[in-house]
Amino acid sequence: MGPIVPAHDQSILNKIEGTPPIQMISTGKNHALLLDQSGEVWSFGANSEGQLGLGHYSARTSPNKVTGMFTPVIQIASGYDHNLVLDSNKNVWGFGSNNCSQMGSPAGIHKISPFLFELQNIIQIWCGGDSCYVTDDSRRVFVFGRNYESQLGIPDTQQSEIRTPTENPLWAGKIVIPGGSHSFTVDRNGDVTMYGQLFGVQMGSTITADINLGPKISHSTKSARSVA
């Protein structure tokens, strides 16, 4: 079987040069982060909201090292225009857009350089489109950022933006898989619960209309049931 993309098409195939061996990649809407094997973070792409964490708003076409964080870094996660970074001491760092409070503070000022969240003992990080999700070593899940579609598992009639990291006790011990306007959780039994806005096939549903789901409604791979 031949290559999917012709090898001569250099507009599509471009090898990334100038970085050490990479162990992890996360991508946003128009930017990317790379985590090298020594625990350093590199960024490149669009930077209109400071999502490269380089202290300015200029785009970069090749990877630049992101400085100012404790290292080694062990996880990276990217939303549309923001990022979370987890270091080996279980600290969480953030940089990029804060248009929906996804930087854990009232919406407005973007974070163009890494800053340290007041979170402790974090072991897992995730980013949705304009939202954030983190888990600590007690398996508690904290959410913040955009919640217009209830993707944080909190009814949007209560709060359309979560401005500071807030525990969601319904999600304790669960894995979170975020999307743009929706999210999934998976419990230890393998049950999948979906939150947010349905777009037909996107949510594994035959429903074609947009439906706003709060945390009282779930759809499981085994059954549909209330989680209230």
N, C-alpha and C. Protein backbone atom coordinates (compact mmCIF):
# COMPACT_ATOMS: atom_id res chain seq x y z
N MET A 1 0.84 -1.19 0.00
CA MET A 1 0.00 0.00 0.00
C MET A 1 0.88 1.24 0.00
N GLY A 2 0.60 2.19 -0.87
CA GLY A 2 1.41 3.39 -0.98
C GLY A 2 1.10 4.38 0.12
N PRO A 3 1.93 5.43 0.22
CA PRO A 3 1.70 6.46 1.25
C PRO A 3 0.41 7.21 1.01
N ILE A 4 -0.23 7.61 2.11
CA ILE A 4 -1.48 8.36 2.00
C ILE A 4 -1.23 9.74 1.40
N VAL A 5 -0.10 10.36 1.80
CA VAL A 5 0.25 11.67 1.30
C VAL A 5 1.50 11.54 0.44
N PRO A 6 1.52 12.03 -0.80
CA PRO A 6 2.71 11.94 -1.65
C PRO A 6 3.92 12.54 -0.96
N ALA A 7 5.02 11.81 -0.95
CA ALA A 7 6.22 12.25 -0.23
C ALA A 7 6.79 13.53 -0.79
N HIS A 8 6.49 13.85 -2.05
CA HIS A 8 7.05 15.05 -2.66
C HIS A 8 6.29 16.32 -2.29
N ASP A 9 5.12 16.16 -1.65
CA ASP A 9 4.31 17.33 -1.33
C ASP A 9 4.80 17.96 -0.04
N GLN A 10 5.80 18.85 -0.13
CA GLN A 10 6.40 19.44 1.05
C GLN A 10 5.48 20.43 1.76
N SER A 11 4.40 20.84 1.11
CA SER A 11 3.45 21.73 1.79
C SER A 11 2.66 20.98 2.85
N ILE A 12 2.68 19.64 2.77
CA ILE A 12 1.96 18.82 3.73
C ILE A 12 2.92 18.11 4.68
N LEU A 13 3.98 17.53 4.11
CA LEU A 13 4.93 16.79 4.92
C LEU A 13 6.12 17.67 5.27
N ASN A 14 6.27 18.00 6.55
CA ASN A 14 7.39 18.80 6.99
C ASN A 14 7.92 18.22 8.30
N LYS A 15 9.14 17.80 8.29
CA LYS A 15 9.75 17.28 9.50
C LYS A 15 10.08 18.42 10.43
N ILE A 16 9.74 18.28 11.71
CA ILE A 16 10.02 19.32 12.70
C ILE A 16 11.46 19.17 13.15
N GLU A 17 12.24 20.21 12.94
CA GLU A 17 13.65 20.19 13.30
C GLU A 17 13.90 21.05 14.53
N GLY A 18 15.06 20.83 15.16
CA GLY A 18 15.52 21.72 16.20
C GLY A 18 15.06 21.39 17.61
N THR A 19 14.49 20.21 17.83
CA THR A 19 14.09 19.82 19.17
C THR A 19 14.73 18.49 19.54
N PRO A 20 14.92 18.24 20.84
CA PRO A 20 15.38 16.92 21.27
C PRO A 20 14.30 15.88 21.00
N PRO A 21 14.57 14.59 21.26
CA PRO A 21 13.54 13.55 21.09
C PRO A 21 12.28 13.87 21.90
N ILE A 22 11.12 13.68 21.27
CA ILE A 22 9.83 14.08 21.86
C ILE A 22 9.10 12.86 22.40
N GLN A 23 8.46 13.04 23.59
CA GLN A 23 7.69 11.96 24.19
C GLN A 23 6.18 12.21 24.18
N MET A 24 5.75 13.47 24.00
CA MET A 24 4.32 13.77 24.06
C MET A 24 4.03 15.02 23.23
N ILE A 25 2.85 15.04 22.60
CA ILE A 25 2.41 16.18 21.80
C ILE A 25 0.98 16.52 22.19
N SER A 26 0.67 17.80 22.31
CA SER A 26 -0.71 18.23 22.45
C SER A 26 -0.96 19.36 21.44
N THR A 27 -2.16 19.40 20.90
CA THR A 27 -2.46 20.38 19.87
C THR A 27 -3.72 21.17 20.22
N GLY A 28 -3.69 22.46 19.90
CA GLY A 28 -4.85 23.32 20.04
C GLY A 28 -5.45 23.59 18.69
N LYS A 29 -6.19 24.69 18.59
CA LYS A 29 -6.84 25.04 17.34
C LYS A 29 -5.82 25.36 16.25
N ASN A 30 -4.83 26.17 16.58
CA ASN A 30 -3.80 26.55 15.61
C ASN A 30 -2.41 26.59 16.23
N HIS A 31 -2.18 25.80 17.28
CA HIS A 31 -0.86 25.77 17.90
C HIS A 31 -0.59 24.36 18.43
N ALA A 32 0.65 24.13 18.83
CA ALA A 32 1.01 22.81 19.35
C ALA A 32 2.06 22.95 20.44
N LEU A 33 2.03 22.02 21.39
CA LEU A 33 3.06 21.88 22.40
C LEU A 33 3.77 20.54 22.20
N LEU A 34 5.06 20.53 22.47
CA LEU A 34 5.85 19.31 22.44
C LEU A 34 6.51 19.14 23.81
N LEU A 35 6.53 17.93 24.33
CA LEU A 35 7.23 17.62 25.57
C LEU A 35 8.39 16.71 25.23
N ASP A 36 9.61 17.17 25.47
CA ASP A 36 10.76 16.34 25.11
C ASP A 36 11.08 15.34 26.23
N GLN A 37 12.00 14.45 25.95
CA GLN A 37 12.27 13.35 26.87
C GLN A 37 12.99 13.79 28.14
N SER A 38 13.49 15.02 28.17
CA SER A 38 14.11 15.53 29.39
C SER A 38 13.13 16.33 30.24
N GLY A 39 11.86 16.45 29.77
CA GLY A 39 10.85 17.15 30.54
C GLY A 39 10.74 18.63 30.24
N GLU A 40 11.28 19.07 29.11
CA GLU A 40 11.15 20.47 28.68
C GLU A 40 9.99 20.60 27.70
N VAL A 41 9.34 21.78 27.69
CA VAL A 41 8.19 22.03 26.82
C VAL A 41 8.59 22.99 25.71
N TRP A 42 8.10 22.70 24.50
CA TRP A 42 8.34 23.53 23.32
C TRP A 42 6.98 23.89 22.73
N SER A 43 6.89 25.07 22.08
CA SER A 43 5.62 25.48 21.49
C SER A 43 5.86 26.16 20.15
N PHE A 44 4.84 26.08 19.28
CA PHE A 44 4.89 26.81 18.02
C PHE A 44 3.49 26.90 17.44
N GLY A 45 3.32 27.84 16.49
CA GLY A 45 2.02 28.05 15.86
C GLY A 45 1.49 29.44 16.12
N ALA A 46 0.16 29.58 16.05
CA ALA A 46 -0.50 30.86 16.32
C ALA A 46 -0.30 31.27 17.77
N ASN A 47 -0.37 32.58 18.02
CA ASN A 47 -0.08 33.06 19.37
C ASN A 47 -0.85 34.33 19.70
N SER A 48 -2.01 34.50 19.10
CA SER A 48 -2.77 35.75 19.28
C SER A 48 -3.28 35.94 20.69
N GLU A 49 -3.33 34.84 21.47
CA GLU A 49 -3.81 34.93 22.85
C GLU A 49 -2.76 34.45 23.84
N GLY A 50 -1.51 34.48 23.40
CA GLY A 50 -0.41 34.08 24.28
C GLY A 50 -0.31 32.59 24.51
N GLN A 51 -0.94 31.79 23.64
CA GLN A 51 -1.00 30.34 23.87
C GLN A 51 0.33 29.62 23.71
N LEU A 52 1.35 30.31 23.23
CA LEU A 52 2.68 29.69 23.15
C LEU A 52 3.47 29.84 24.45
N GLY A 53 3.00 30.69 25.36
CA GLY A 53 3.66 30.82 26.66
C GLY A 53 5.04 31.43 26.60
N LEU A 54 5.31 32.23 25.57
CA LEU A 54 6.65 32.78 25.35
C LEU A 54 6.80 34.22 25.81
N GLY A 55 5.75 34.78 26.44
CA GLY A 55 5.83 36.13 26.96
C GLY A 55 5.49 37.21 25.95
N HIS A 56 4.96 36.82 24.80
CA HIS A 56 4.59 37.79 23.76
C HIS A 56 3.43 37.20 22.94
N TYR A 57 2.99 37.95 21.92
CA TYR A 57 1.86 37.52 21.10
C TYR A 57 2.26 37.21 19.65
N SER A 58 3.53 37.02 19.39
CA SER A 58 4.01 36.76 18.03
C SER A 58 3.98 35.27 17.73
N ALA A 59 3.47 34.92 16.55
CA ALA A 59 3.43 33.53 16.14
C ALA A 59 4.84 33.00 15.90
N ARG A 60 4.98 31.68 15.96
CA ARG A 60 6.26 31.04 15.72
C ARG A 60 6.05 29.85 14.79
N THR A 61 6.90 29.76 13.77
CA THR A 61 6.77 28.69 12.78
C THR A 61 7.63 27.48 13.10
N SER A 62 8.48 27.61 14.12
CA SER A 62 9.30 26.49 14.57
C SER A 62 9.25 26.44 16.09
N PRO A 63 9.50 25.28 16.69
CA PRO A 63 9.39 25.14 18.15
C PRO A 63 10.34 26.04 18.92
N ASN A 64 9.80 26.69 19.96
CA ASN A 64 10.56 27.50 20.89
C ASN A 64 10.37 26.92 22.29
N LYS A 65 11.44 26.90 23.08
CA LYS A 65 11.34 26.36 24.43
C LYS A 65 10.54 27.29 25.33
N VAL A 66 9.60 26.72 26.09
CA VAL A 66 8.80 27.48 27.06
C VAL A 66 9.53 27.42 28.40
N THR A 67 9.87 28.56 28.95
CA THR A 67 10.62 28.60 30.20
C THR A 67 9.75 29.16 31.33
N GLY A 68 10.31 29.11 32.54
CA GLY A 68 9.62 29.69 33.69
C GLY A 68 8.81 28.70 34.50
N MET A 69 8.93 27.40 34.20
CA MET A 69 8.19 26.37 34.94
C MET A 69 9.18 25.44 35.64
N PHE A 70 8.70 24.81 36.72
CA PHE A 70 9.51 23.77 37.34
C PHE A 70 9.61 22.59 36.38
N THR A 71 10.75 21.98 36.32
CA THR A 71 10.93 20.80 35.47
C THR A 71 11.50 19.66 36.30
N PRO A 72 11.34 18.42 35.88
CA PRO A 72 10.76 18.04 34.58
C PRO A 72 9.24 18.11 34.56
N VAL A 73 8.73 18.40 33.38
CA VAL A 73 7.29 18.34 33.11
C VAL A 73 6.94 16.91 32.72
N ILE A 74 5.76 16.44 33.16
CA ILE A 74 5.39 15.06 32.87
C ILE A 74 4.13 14.93 32.01
N GLN A 75 3.31 16.01 31.93
CA GLN A 75 2.12 15.98 31.09
C GLN A 75 1.87 17.36 30.49
N ILE A 76 1.30 17.39 29.29
CA ILE A 76 0.86 18.63 28.66
C ILE A 76 -0.55 18.41 28.11
N ALA A 77 -1.33 19.48 28.06
CA ALA A 77 -2.69 19.41 27.51
C ALA A 77 -3.03 20.75 26.90
N SER A 78 -3.75 20.73 25.78
CA SER A 78 -4.08 21.97 25.07
C SER A 78 -5.57 22.04 24.76
N GLY A 79 -6.14 23.24 24.93
CA GLY A 79 -7.48 23.54 24.44
C GLY A 79 -7.37 24.30 23.14
N TYR A 80 -8.43 25.00 22.78
CA TYR A 80 -8.38 25.79 21.55
C TYR A 80 -7.18 26.73 21.56
N ASP A 81 -7.09 27.58 22.59
CA ASP A 81 -6.04 28.59 22.64
C ASP A 81 -5.41 28.69 24.02
N HIS A 82 -5.44 27.62 24.81
CA HIS A 82 -4.83 27.64 26.13
C HIS A 82 -4.20 26.27 26.42
N ASN A 83 -3.40 26.23 27.46
CA ASN A 83 -2.69 24.99 27.79
C ASN A 83 -2.58 24.81 29.29
N LEU A 84 -2.50 23.56 29.71
CA LEU A 84 -2.12 23.18 31.07
C LEU A 84 -0.86 22.34 30.99
N VAL A 85 -0.02 22.47 32.01
CA VAL A 85 1.22 21.70 32.10
C VAL A 85 1.34 21.17 33.52
N LEU A 86 1.72 19.90 33.65
CA LEU A 86 1.87 19.26 34.96
C LEU A 86 3.33 18.90 35.16
N ASP A 87 3.92 19.36 36.27
CA ASP A 87 5.31 19.03 36.53
C ASP A 87 5.42 17.82 37.46
N SER A 88 6.63 17.37 37.69
CA SER A 88 6.85 16.14 38.46
C SER A 88 6.55 16.31 39.94
N ASN A 89 6.39 17.56 40.39
CA ASN A 89 6.02 17.83 41.78
C ASN A 89 4.52 17.98 41.97
N LYS A 90 3.75 17.60 40.93
CA LYS A 90 2.29 17.62 40.96
C LYS A 90 1.73 19.05 40.97
N ASN A 91 2.51 19.99 40.43
CA ASN A 91 2.05 21.37 40.26
C ASN A 91 1.47 21.54 38.87
N VAL A 92 0.48 22.43 38.74
CA VAL A 92 -0.15 22.73 37.46
C VAL A 92 0.19 24.15 37.04
N TRP A 93 0.62 24.30 35.79
CA TRP A 93 0.93 25.59 35.19
C TRP A 93 -0.03 25.83 34.04
N GLY A 94 -0.29 27.09 33.73
CA GLY A 94 -1.18 27.42 32.62
C GLY A 94 -0.68 28.61 31.84
N PHE A 95 -1.04 28.67 30.56
CA PHE A 95 -0.78 29.86 29.75
C PHE A 95 -1.70 29.85 28.54
N GLY A 96 -2.00 31.07 28.06
CA GLY A 96 -2.87 31.22 26.90
C GLY A 96 -4.14 31.99 27.20
N SER A 97 -5.16 31.70 26.43
CA SER A 97 -6.43 32.44 26.49
C SER A 97 -7.12 32.30 27.84
N ASN A 98 -7.73 33.40 28.26
CA ASN A 98 -8.55 33.39 29.47
C ASN A 98 -9.92 33.98 29.17
N ASN A 99 -10.39 33.80 27.94
CA ASN A 99 -11.66 34.41 27.54
C ASN A 99 -12.86 33.81 28.24
N CYS A 100 -12.72 32.60 28.77
CA CYS A 100 -13.82 31.95 29.49
C CYS A 100 -13.39 31.49 30.88
N SER A 101 -12.42 32.17 31.45
CA SER A 101 -11.91 31.84 32.79
C SER A 101 -11.17 30.50 32.83
N GLN A 102 -10.70 30.02 31.68
CA GLN A 102 -10.00 28.74 31.67
C GLN A 102 -8.61 28.82 32.29
N MET A 103 -8.17 30.02 32.64
CA MET A 103 -6.93 30.17 33.38
C MET A 103 -7.18 30.29 34.88
N GLY A 104 -8.39 29.92 35.30
CA GLY A 104 -8.69 29.86 36.72
C GLY A 104 -8.87 31.18 37.40
N SER A 105 -9.20 32.24 36.61
CA SER A 105 -9.44 33.57 37.17
C SER A 105 -10.51 34.23 36.33
N PRO A 106 -11.13 35.31 36.81
CA PRO A 106 -12.18 35.96 36.03
C PRO A 106 -11.72 36.25 34.60
N ALA A 107 -12.63 36.04 33.66
CA ALA A 107 -12.29 36.17 32.24
C ALA A 107 -11.77 37.55 31.91
N GLY A 108 -10.83 37.59 30.99
CA GLY A 108 -10.32 38.88 30.54
C GLY A 108 -8.87 38.81 30.11
N ILE A 109 -7.96 38.92 31.07
CA ILE A 109 -6.54 39.03 30.75
C ILE A 109 -5.96 37.66 30.43
N HIS A 110 -5.35 37.54 29.25
CA HIS A 110 -4.71 36.30 28.86
C HIS A 110 -3.39 36.14 29.61
N LYS A 111 -2.93 34.91 29.70
CA LYS A 111 -1.67 34.61 30.36
C LYS A 111 -0.64 34.26 29.28
N ILE A 112 0.28 35.18 29.01
CA ILE A 112 1.23 34.98 27.92
C ILE A 112 2.51 34.27 28.37
N SER A 113 2.66 34.09 29.67
CA SER A 113 3.77 33.33 30.24
C SER A 113 3.21 32.32 31.23
N PRO A 114 3.91 31.22 31.48
CA PRO A 114 3.40 30.22 32.43
C PRO A 114 3.20 30.80 33.82
N PHE A 115 2.09 30.45 34.44
CA PHE A 115 1.86 30.84 35.83
C PHE A 115 1.41 29.61 36.59
N LEU A 116 1.65 29.63 37.90
CA LEU A 116 1.40 28.48 38.75
C LEU A 116 0.01 28.57 39.38
N PHE A 117 -0.82 27.54 39.15
CA PHE A 117 -2.14 27.48 39.79
C PHE A 117 -1.98 27.14 41.27
N GLU A 118 -2.97 27.55 42.04
CA GLU A 118 -3.00 27.19 43.46
C GLU A 118 -3.70 25.84 43.60
N LEU A 119 -3.11 24.84 43.00
CA LEU A 119 -3.60 23.47 43.06
C LEU A 119 -2.46 22.59 43.54
N GLN A 120 -2.78 21.57 44.33
CA GLN A 120 -1.75 20.71 44.88
C GLN A 120 -2.06 19.25 44.59
N ASN A 121 -1.00 18.46 44.51
CA ASN A 121 -1.11 17.01 44.39
C ASN A 121 -1.94 16.57 43.19
N ILE A 122 -1.74 17.24 42.06
CA ILE A 122 -2.46 16.91 40.84
C ILE A 122 -1.71 15.80 40.09
N ILE A 123 -2.45 14.84 39.57
CA ILE A 123 -1.83 13.71 38.87
C ILE A 123 -2.29 13.58 37.42
N GLN A 124 -3.32 14.32 37.01
CA GLN A 124 -3.80 14.23 35.64
C GLN A 124 -4.41 15.55 35.23
N ILE A 125 -4.16 15.97 33.98
CA ILE A 125 -4.72 17.21 33.46
C ILE A 125 -5.37 16.93 32.11
N TRP A 126 -6.45 17.68 31.81
CA TRP A 126 -7.11 17.63 30.51
C TRP A 126 -7.56 19.04 30.15
N CYS A 127 -7.64 19.34 28.86
CA CYS A 127 -8.22 20.59 28.38
C CYS A 127 -9.31 20.29 27.37
N GLY A 128 -10.44 20.99 27.50
CA GLY A 128 -11.45 21.01 26.46
C GLY A 128 -11.23 22.24 25.60
N GLY A 129 -12.22 22.60 24.79
CA GLY A 129 -12.06 23.75 23.91
C GLY A 129 -11.68 25.00 24.67
N ASP A 130 -12.50 25.41 25.65
CA ASP A 130 -12.23 26.57 26.49
C ASP A 130 -12.39 26.21 27.96
N SER A 131 -12.06 24.99 28.32
CA SER A 131 -12.28 24.53 29.68
C SER A 131 -11.13 23.65 30.14
N CYS A 132 -11.06 23.42 31.46
CA CYS A 132 -9.98 22.64 32.05
C CYS A 132 -10.52 21.65 33.07
N TYR A 133 -9.81 20.54 33.21
CA TYR A 133 -10.19 19.47 34.12
C TYR A 133 -8.90 18.89 34.71
N VAL A 134 -8.85 18.75 36.04
CA VAL A 134 -7.67 18.17 36.67
C VAL A 134 -8.11 17.19 37.76
N THR A 135 -7.27 16.20 38.03
CA THR A 135 -7.55 15.20 39.06
C THR A 135 -6.39 15.18 40.05
N ASP A 136 -6.70 15.14 41.35
CA ASP A 136 -5.63 15.06 42.34
C ASP A 136 -5.41 13.61 42.78
N ASP A 137 -4.43 13.42 43.67
CA ASP A 137 -4.08 12.05 44.05
C ASP A 137 -5.09 11.39 44.97
N SER A 138 -6.15 12.13 45.35
CA SER A 138 -7.28 11.53 46.06
C SER A 138 -8.41 11.21 45.10
N ARG A 139 -8.16 11.36 43.80
CA ARG A 139 -9.10 11.07 42.71
C ARG A 139 -10.24 12.08 42.64
N ARG A 140 -10.07 13.24 43.26
CA ARG A 140 -11.05 14.31 43.12
C ARG A 140 -10.83 15.02 41.79
N VAL A 141 -11.93 15.42 41.16
CA VAL A 141 -11.85 16.12 39.87
C VAL A 141 -12.26 17.58 40.08
N PHE A 142 -11.42 18.50 39.60
CA PHE A 142 -11.70 19.92 39.66
C PHE A 142 -11.87 20.45 38.23
N VAL A 143 -12.85 21.34 38.05
CA VAL A 143 -13.17 21.85 36.71
C VAL A 143 -13.19 23.37 36.75
N PHE A 144 -12.89 23.99 35.60
CA PHE A 144 -12.97 25.43 35.48
C PHE A 144 -12.94 25.82 34.01
N GLY A 145 -13.47 27.03 33.74
CA GLY A 145 -13.53 27.51 32.37
C GLY A 145 -14.96 27.58 31.84
N ARG A 146 -15.09 27.43 30.53
CA ARG A 146 -16.38 27.54 29.86
C ARG A 146 -17.33 26.44 30.30
N ASN A 147 -18.57 26.86 30.60
CA ASN A 147 -19.59 25.89 31.01
C ASN A 147 -20.94 26.25 30.39
N TYR A 148 -20.92 26.98 29.28
CA TYR A 148 -22.16 27.42 28.65
C TYR A 148 -23.04 26.25 28.25
N GLU A 149 -22.44 25.12 27.93
CA GLU A 149 -23.19 23.94 27.50
C GLU A 149 -23.20 22.85 28.57
N SER A 150 -22.83 23.20 29.81
CA SER A 150 -22.78 22.25 30.93
C SER A 150 -21.71 21.18 30.75
N GLN A 151 -20.68 21.47 29.95
CA GLN A 151 -19.65 20.46 29.72
C GLN A 151 -18.79 20.18 30.95
N LEU A 152 -18.88 21.04 31.98
CA LEU A 152 -18.14 20.79 33.21
C LEU A 152 -18.94 19.94 34.19
N GLY A 153 -20.12 19.48 33.76
CA GLY A 153 -20.94 18.65 34.62
C GLY A 153 -21.73 19.42 35.65
N ILE A 154 -21.82 20.72 35.48
CA ILE A 154 -22.58 21.61 36.36
C ILE A 154 -23.60 22.32 35.48
N PRO A 155 -24.89 22.30 35.82
CA PRO A 155 -25.89 22.93 34.95
C PRO A 155 -25.53 24.37 34.62
N ASP A 156 -25.61 24.74 33.34
CA ASP A 156 -25.21 26.09 32.95
C ASP A 156 -26.19 27.15 33.43
N THR A 157 -27.34 26.72 33.92
CA THR A 157 -28.26 27.68 34.53
C THR A 157 -27.71 28.18 35.85
N GLN A 158 -26.80 27.41 36.45
CA GLN A 158 -26.17 27.83 37.69
C GLN A 158 -24.97 28.73 37.41
N GLN A 159 -24.13 28.36 36.44
CA GLN A 159 -22.90 29.11 36.20
C GLN A 159 -22.40 28.80 34.80
N SER A 160 -22.38 29.81 33.92
CA SER A 160 -21.93 29.59 32.56
C SER A 160 -20.41 29.57 32.44
N GLU A 161 -19.71 30.12 33.42
CA GLU A 161 -18.26 30.03 33.52
C GLU A 161 -17.89 29.69 34.94
N ILE A 162 -16.97 28.77 35.11
CA ILE A 162 -16.44 28.44 36.43
C ILE A 162 -15.11 29.16 36.54
N ARG A 163 -15.04 30.17 37.40
CA ARG A 163 -13.92 31.10 37.39
C ARG A 163 -12.72 30.65 38.20
N THR A 164 -12.90 29.68 39.08
CA THR A 164 -11.79 29.12 39.84
C THR A 164 -11.94 27.61 39.87
N PRO A 165 -10.85 26.86 40.04
CA PRO A 165 -10.97 25.40 40.11
C PRO A 165 -11.97 24.97 41.16
N THR A 166 -12.99 24.23 40.72
CA THR A 166 -14.12 23.85 41.57
C THR A 166 -14.30 22.34 41.51
N GLU A 167 -14.41 21.71 42.67
CA GLU A 167 -14.57 20.27 42.69
C GLU A 167 -15.94 19.87 42.16
N ASN A 168 -15.97 18.86 41.32
CA ASN A 168 -17.23 18.25 40.88
C ASN A 168 -17.31 16.86 41.51
N PRO A 169 -18.02 16.73 42.63
CA PRO A 169 -18.03 15.45 43.35
C PRO A 169 -18.63 14.30 42.55
N LEU A 170 -19.49 14.60 41.56
CA LEU A 170 -20.07 13.54 40.74
C LEU A 170 -19.02 12.83 39.89
N TRP A 171 -17.90 13.49 39.66
CA TRP A 171 -16.88 12.94 38.78
C TRP A 171 -15.72 12.29 39.54
N ALA A 172 -15.80 12.19 40.84
CA ALA A 172 -14.69 11.63 41.63
C ALA A 172 -14.33 10.23 41.14
N GLY A 173 -13.04 10.01 40.96
CA GLY A 173 -12.56 8.70 40.55
C GLY A 173 -12.76 8.37 39.09
N LYS A 174 -13.25 9.31 38.30
CA LYS A 174 -13.55 9.03 36.90
C LYS A 174 -12.48 9.64 35.98
N ILE A 175 -12.34 9.03 34.81
CA ILE A 175 -11.51 9.59 33.75
C ILE A 175 -12.36 10.57 32.97
N VAL A 176 -11.78 11.70 32.58
CA VAL A 176 -12.48 12.73 31.82
C VAL A 176 -11.91 12.77 30.40
N ILE A 177 -12.81 12.79 29.41
CA ILE A 177 -12.42 12.97 28.02
C ILE A 177 -13.16 14.19 27.50
N PRO A 178 -12.50 15.34 27.43
CA PRO A 178 -13.20 16.58 27.06
C PRO A 178 -13.23 16.81 25.56
N GLY A 179 -14.27 17.52 25.13
CA GLY A 179 -14.36 18.00 23.75
C GLY A 179 -14.51 19.50 23.77
N GLY A 180 -15.05 20.06 22.69
CA GLY A 180 -15.23 21.50 22.63
C GLY A 180 -16.40 21.98 23.46
N SER A 181 -17.60 21.45 23.19
CA SER A 181 -18.81 21.85 23.91
C SER A 181 -19.42 20.68 24.67
N HIS A 182 -18.64 19.64 24.88
CA HIS A 182 -19.15 18.46 25.56
C HIS A 182 -17.99 17.76 26.26
N SER A 183 -18.32 16.79 27.10
CA SER A 183 -17.29 15.99 27.76
C SER A 183 -17.88 14.62 28.09
N PHE A 184 -16.99 13.66 28.26
CA PHE A 184 -17.35 12.32 28.67
C PHE A 184 -16.63 12.00 29.98
N THR A 185 -17.24 11.19 30.82
CA THR A 185 -16.54 10.59 31.94
C THR A 185 -16.67 9.08 31.85
N VAL A 186 -15.66 8.38 32.34
CA VAL A 186 -15.65 6.92 32.35
C VAL A 186 -15.36 6.46 33.76
N ASP A 187 -16.25 5.64 34.33
CA ASP A 187 -16.03 5.16 35.69
C ASP A 187 -15.30 3.82 35.67
N ARG A 188 -15.07 3.25 36.85
CA ARG A 188 -14.28 2.02 36.96
C ARG A 188 -15.00 0.81 36.39
N ASN A 189 -16.30 0.93 36.21
CA ASN A 189 -17.07 -0.17 35.61
C ASN A 189 -17.13 -0.06 34.09
N GLY A 190 -16.55 0.99 33.55
CA GLY A 190 -16.58 1.19 32.11
C GLY A 190 -17.81 1.92 31.61
N ASP A 191 -18.64 2.42 32.54
CA ASP A 191 -19.81 3.19 32.12
C ASP A 191 -19.38 4.57 31.65
N VAL A 192 -19.92 5.02 30.54
CA VAL A 192 -19.60 6.31 29.96
C VAL A 192 -20.78 7.26 30.15
N THR A 193 -20.50 8.44 30.68
CA THR A 193 -21.52 9.47 30.86
C THR A 193 -21.13 10.68 30.03
N MET A 194 -22.11 11.29 29.35
CA MET A 194 -21.85 12.40 28.46
C MET A 194 -22.52 13.67 28.99
N TYR A 195 -21.81 14.77 28.89
CA TYR A 195 -22.30 16.07 29.33
C TYR A 195 -22.11 17.09 28.22
N GLY A 196 -23.00 18.07 28.16
CA GLY A 196 -22.79 19.16 27.23
C GLY A 196 -23.79 19.19 26.11
N GLN A 197 -23.34 19.59 24.94
CA GLN A 197 -24.22 19.81 23.81
C GLN A 197 -24.12 18.67 22.81
N LEU A 198 -25.27 18.12 22.44
CA LEU A 198 -25.30 17.02 21.48
C LEU A 198 -25.35 17.54 20.06
N PHE A 199 -24.54 16.94 19.21
CA PHE A 199 -24.56 17.26 17.78
C PHE A 199 -24.70 15.96 16.99
N GLY A 200 -25.73 15.20 17.25
CA GLY A 200 -25.97 13.99 16.50
C GLY A 200 -24.85 12.98 16.65
N VAL A 201 -24.19 12.65 15.56
CA VAL A 201 -23.18 11.60 15.55
C VAL A 201 -22.03 11.91 16.50
N GLN A 202 -21.73 13.19 16.70
CA GLN A 202 -20.64 13.57 17.59
C GLN A 202 -20.77 12.91 18.96
N MET A 203 -21.98 12.78 19.46
CA MET A 203 -22.21 12.23 20.79
C MET A 203 -22.65 10.77 20.74
N GLY A 204 -22.50 10.12 19.62
CA GLY A 204 -22.91 8.73 19.52
C GLY A 204 -24.40 8.56 19.62
N SER A 205 -25.15 9.54 19.14
CA SER A 205 -26.59 9.53 19.25
C SER A 205 -27.23 9.73 17.89
N THR A 206 -28.45 9.27 17.76
CA THR A 206 -29.18 9.50 16.51
C THR A 206 -29.94 10.82 16.53
N ILE A 207 -29.86 11.52 17.67
CA ILE A 207 -30.55 12.81 17.79
C ILE A 207 -29.85 13.83 16.90
N THR A 208 -30.60 14.56 16.12
CA THR A 208 -30.01 15.53 15.21
C THR A 208 -30.10 16.96 15.72
N ALA A 209 -30.99 17.21 16.68
CA ALA A 209 -31.12 18.56 17.22
C ALA A 209 -30.10 18.77 18.34
N ASP A 210 -29.73 20.02 18.58
CA ASP A 210 -28.84 20.35 19.69
C ASP A 210 -29.61 20.20 20.99
N ILE A 211 -29.04 19.50 21.94
CA ILE A 211 -29.69 19.29 23.23
C ILE A 211 -28.71 19.69 24.32
N ASN A 212 -29.15 20.50 25.27
CA ASN A 212 -28.32 20.94 26.37
C ASN A 212 -28.52 20.01 27.55
N LEU A 213 -27.46 19.34 27.99
CA LEU A 213 -27.55 18.36 29.06
C LEU A 213 -26.88 18.89 30.32
N GLY A 214 -27.59 18.85 31.42
CA GLY A 214 -26.98 19.09 32.71
C GLY A 214 -26.59 17.76 33.32
N PRO A 215 -26.01 17.76 34.51
CA PRO A 215 -25.51 16.53 35.09
C PRO A 215 -26.57 15.56 35.56
N LYS A 216 -27.88 15.93 35.47
CA LYS A 216 -28.92 15.00 35.87
C LYS A 216 -29.25 13.99 34.77
N ILE A 217 -28.66 14.14 33.61
CA ILE A 217 -28.94 13.23 32.51
C ILE A 217 -27.65 12.61 32.04
N SER A 218 -27.65 11.32 31.82
CA SER A 218 -26.46 10.68 31.31
C SER A 218 -26.85 9.65 30.28
N HIS A 219 -25.91 9.31 29.44
CA HIS A 219 -26.08 8.22 28.48
C HIS A 219 -24.93 7.27 28.70
N SER A 220 -25.20 6.01 28.96
CA SER A 220 -24.18 5.03 29.22
C SER A 220 -24.04 4.08 28.05
N THR A 221 -22.86 3.48 27.94
CA THR A 221 -22.67 2.44 26.95
C THR A 221 -23.50 1.21 27.30
N LYS A 222 -23.94 1.13 28.56
CA LYS A 222 -24.76 0.01 28.99
C LYS A 222 -26.24 0.38 29.04
N SER A 223 -26.52 1.57 29.53
CA SER A 223 -27.91 1.99 29.67
C SER A 223 -27.97 3.49 29.84
N ALA A 224 -29.16 4.05 29.67
CA ALA A 224 -29.37 5.48 29.94
C ALA A 224 -30.04 5.57 31.29
N ARG A 225 -29.50 6.42 32.17
CA ARG A 225 -30.04 6.47 33.51
C ARG A 225 -29.77 7.84 34.13
N SER A 226 -30.44 8.13 35.22
CA SER A 226 -30.20 9.36 35.96
C SER A 226 -28.98 9.19 36.85
N VAL A 227 -28.19 10.25 36.97
CA VAL A 227 -27.05 10.21 37.87
C VAL A 227 -27.29 11.12 39.07
N ALA A 228 -28.49 11.63 39.19
CA ALA A 228 -28.80 12.51 40.33
C ALA A 228 -28.99 11.67 41.58
